[in-house]
Amino acid sequence: MTRLHVLVAVICKSTNINPSSAFTVSNKPFLRGTMATADGSEDINDFLLRIRELGDRRDREDEERTRKLEEEILQGRKERQARRAGQ
């Protein structure tokens, strides 16, 4: 296991990201092909950028889910109040 694989595992675990999804973002393969530099720093930077993108996407999706749930809760309250007022 390379240091990069260990880094992937640690970051994925700490951010609750599925490790298999860390290797593709927006249909862009990750860590495939040749290294951009001799030490692989370009690939590591790309990886870290993609992890940040995954985190940002997860945050946006969480916010959207939360907004929808709040709307459903408010709608349910309004419907219950309307039923109570009609009784």
C-alpha atoms as a PDB file:
ATOM      1  CA  MET A   1       0.000   0.000   0.000  1.00  0.00           C
ATOM      2  CA  THR A   2       1.517   3.318  -1.045  1.00  0.00           C
ATOM      3  CA  ARG A   3       1.545   6.476   1.016  1.00  0.00           C
ATOM      4  CA  LEU A   4      -1.048   7.922  -1.333  1.00  0.00           C
ATOM      5  CA  HIS A   5      -3.410   4.993  -0.736  1.00  0.00           C
ATOM      6  CA  VAL A   6      -3.000   5.469   3.004  1.00  0.00           C
ATOM      7  CA  LEU A   7      -3.740   9.184   2.552  1.00  0.00           C
ATOM      8  CA  VAL A   8      -6.865   8.344   0.544  1.00  0.00           C
ATOM      9  CA  ALA A   9      -8.067   5.954   3.228  1.00  0.00           C
ATOM     10  CA  VAL A  10      -7.465   8.438   6.044  1.00  0.00           C
ATOM     11  CA  ILE A  11      -9.151  11.345   4.282  1.00  0.00           C
ATOM     12  CA  CYS A  12     -12.104   9.248   3.172  1.00  0.00           C
ATOM     13  CA  LYS A  13     -12.602   7.898   6.669  1.00  0.00           C
ATOM     14  CA  SER A  14     -12.362  11.329   8.292  1.00  0.00           C
ATOM     15  CA  THR A  15     -14.826  12.895   5.830  1.00  0.00           C
ATOM     16  CA  ASN A  16     -17.249   9.953   5.572  1.00  0.00           C
ATOM     17  CA  ILE A  17     -16.600   9.652   1.840  1.00  0.00           C
ATOM     18  CA  ASN A  18     -16.867   6.303   0.122  1.00  0.00           C
ATOM     19  CA  PRO A  19     -13.292   5.464  -0.946  1.00  0.00           C
ATOM     20  CA  SER A  20     -14.449   4.259  -4.357  1.00  0.00           C
ATOM     21  CA  SER A  21     -16.104   7.624  -5.041  1.00  0.00           C
ATOM     22  CA  ALA A  22     -12.840   9.390  -4.236  1.00  0.00           C
ATOM     23  CA  PHE A  23     -11.388   7.995  -7.425  1.00  0.00           C
ATOM     24  CA  THR A  24     -13.923   9.541  -9.792  1.00  0.00           C
ATOM     25  CA  VAL A  25     -15.490  12.981  -9.660  1.00  0.00           C
ATOM     26  CA  SER A  26     -17.654  14.262 -12.482  1.00  0.00           C
ATOM     27  CA  ASN A  27     -16.664  11.253 -14.583  1.00  0.00           C
ATOM     28  CA  LYS A  28     -13.007  12.289 -14.327  1.00  0.00           C
ATOM     29  CA  PRO A  29     -10.782   9.359 -13.453  1.00  0.00           C
ATOM     30  CA  PHE A  30      -8.511   9.970 -10.528  1.00  0.00           C
ATOM     31  CA  LEU A  31      -4.961   8.698 -10.194  1.00  0.00           C
ATOM     32  CA  ARG A  32      -4.927   7.071 -13.578  1.00  0.00           C
ATOM     33  CA  GLY A  33      -2.262   7.704 -16.148  1.00  0.00           C
ATOM     34  CA  THR A  34       1.194   9.126 -15.640  1.00  0.00           C
ATOM     35  CA  MET A  35       2.469  11.261 -12.823  1.00  0.00           C
ATOM     36  CA  ALA A  36       2.739  14.941 -13.671  1.00  0.00           C
ATOM     37  CA  THR A  37       5.943  15.328 -11.672  1.00  0.00           C
ATOM     38  CA  ALA A  38       8.620  12.926 -10.519  1.00  0.00           C
ATOM     39  CA  ASP A  39       7.438  13.042  -6.896  1.00  0.00           C
ATOM     40  CA  GLY A  40       3.735  12.821  -7.720  1.00  0.00           C
ATOM     41  CA  SER A  41       2.860  16.144  -6.072  1.00  0.00           C
ATOM     42  CA  GLU A  42       0.528  17.083  -8.925  1.00  0.00           C
ATOM     43  CA  ASP A  43      -1.519  13.934  -8.403  1.00  0.00           C
ATOM     44  CA  ILE A  44      -1.704  14.552  -4.660  1.00  0.00           C
ATOM     45  CA  ASN A  45      -2.846  18.132  -5.254  1.00  0.00           C
ATOM     46  CA  ASP A  46      -5.480  16.877  -7.690  1.00  0.00           C
ATOM     47  CA  PHE A  47      -6.601  14.322  -5.137  1.00  0.00           C
ATOM     48  CA  LEU A  48      -6.906  16.912  -2.389  1.00  0.00           C
ATOM     49  CA  LEU A  49      -8.855  19.198  -4.727  1.00  0.00           C
ATOM     50  CA  ARG A  50     -11.229  16.374  -5.600  1.00  0.00           C
ATOM     51  CA  ILE A  51     -11.714  15.510  -1.936  1.00  0.00           C
ATOM     52  CA  ARG A  52     -12.612  19.152  -1.304  1.00  0.00           C
ATOM     53  CA  GLU A  53     -15.038  19.052  -4.262  1.00  0.00           C
ATOM     54  CA  LEU A  54     -16.651  15.906  -2.870  1.00  0.00           C
ATOM     55  CA  GLY A  55     -17.016  17.564   0.526  1.00  0.00           C
ATOM     56  CA  ASP A  56     -18.508  20.693  -1.030  1.00  0.00           C
ATOM     57  CA  ARG A  57     -20.930  18.609  -3.080  1.00  0.00           C
ATOM     58  CA  ARG A  58     -21.941  16.638   0.006  1.00  0.00           C
ATOM     59  CA  ASP A  59     -22.509  19.902   1.893  1.00  0.00           C
ATOM     60  CA  ARG A  60     -24.707  21.274  -0.909  1.00  0.00           C
ATOM     61  CA  GLU A  61     -26.705  18.038  -1.036  1.00  0.00           C
ATOM     62  CA  ASP A  62     -27.111  18.064   2.757  1.00  0.00           C
ATOM     63  CA  GLU A  63     -28.323  21.673   2.669  1.00  0.00           C
ATOM     64  CA  GLU A  64     -30.833  20.822  -0.072  1.00  0.00           C
ATOM     65  CA  ARG A  65     -32.139  17.809   1.874  1.00  0.00           C
ATOM     66  CA  THR A  66     -32.428  19.907   5.030  1.00  0.00           C
ATOM     67  CA  ARG A  67     -34.299  22.659   3.178  1.00  0.00           C
ATOM     68  CA  LYS A  68     -36.761  20.149   1.704  1.00  0.00           C
ATOM     69  CA  LEU A  69     -37.351  18.505   5.075  1.00  0.00           C
ATOM     70  CA  GLU A  70     -37.974  21.876   6.705  1.00  0.00           C
ATOM     71  CA  GLU A  71     -40.471  22.753   3.955  1.00  0.00           C
ATOM     72  CA  GLU A  72     -42.263  19.425   4.473  1.00  0.00           C
ATOM     73  CA  ILE A  73     -42.429  20.007   8.229  1.00  0.00           C
ATOM     74  CA  LEU A  74     -43.851  23.511   7.769  1.00  0.00           C
ATOM     75  CA  GLN A  75     -46.371  22.249   5.210  1.00  0.00           C
ATOM     76  CA  GLY A  76     -47.458  19.503   7.600  1.00  0.00           C
ATOM     77  CA  ARG A  77     -47.944  22.026  10.397  1.00  0.00           C
ATOM     78  CA  LYS A  78     -50.053  24.250   8.150  1.00  0.00           C
ATOM     79  CA  GLU A  79     -52.206  21.307   7.100  1.00  0.00           C
ATOM     80  CA  ARG A  80     -52.738  20.232  10.719  1.00  0.00           C
ATOM     81  CA  GLN A  81     -53.641  23.787  11.725  1.00  0.00           C
ATOM     82  CA  ALA A  82     -56.119  23.987   8.843  1.00  0.00           C
ATOM     83  CA  ARG A  83     -57.722  20.683   9.891  1.00  0.00           C
ATOM     84  CA  ARG A  84     -57.973  21.858  13.496  1.00  0.00           C
ATOM     85  CA  ALA A  85     -59.518  25.162  12.434  1.00  0.00           C
ATOM     86  CA  GLY A  86     -62.109  23.282  10.353  1.00  0.00           C
ATOM     87  CA  GLN A  87     -63.263  21.097  13.263  1.00  0.00           C
END
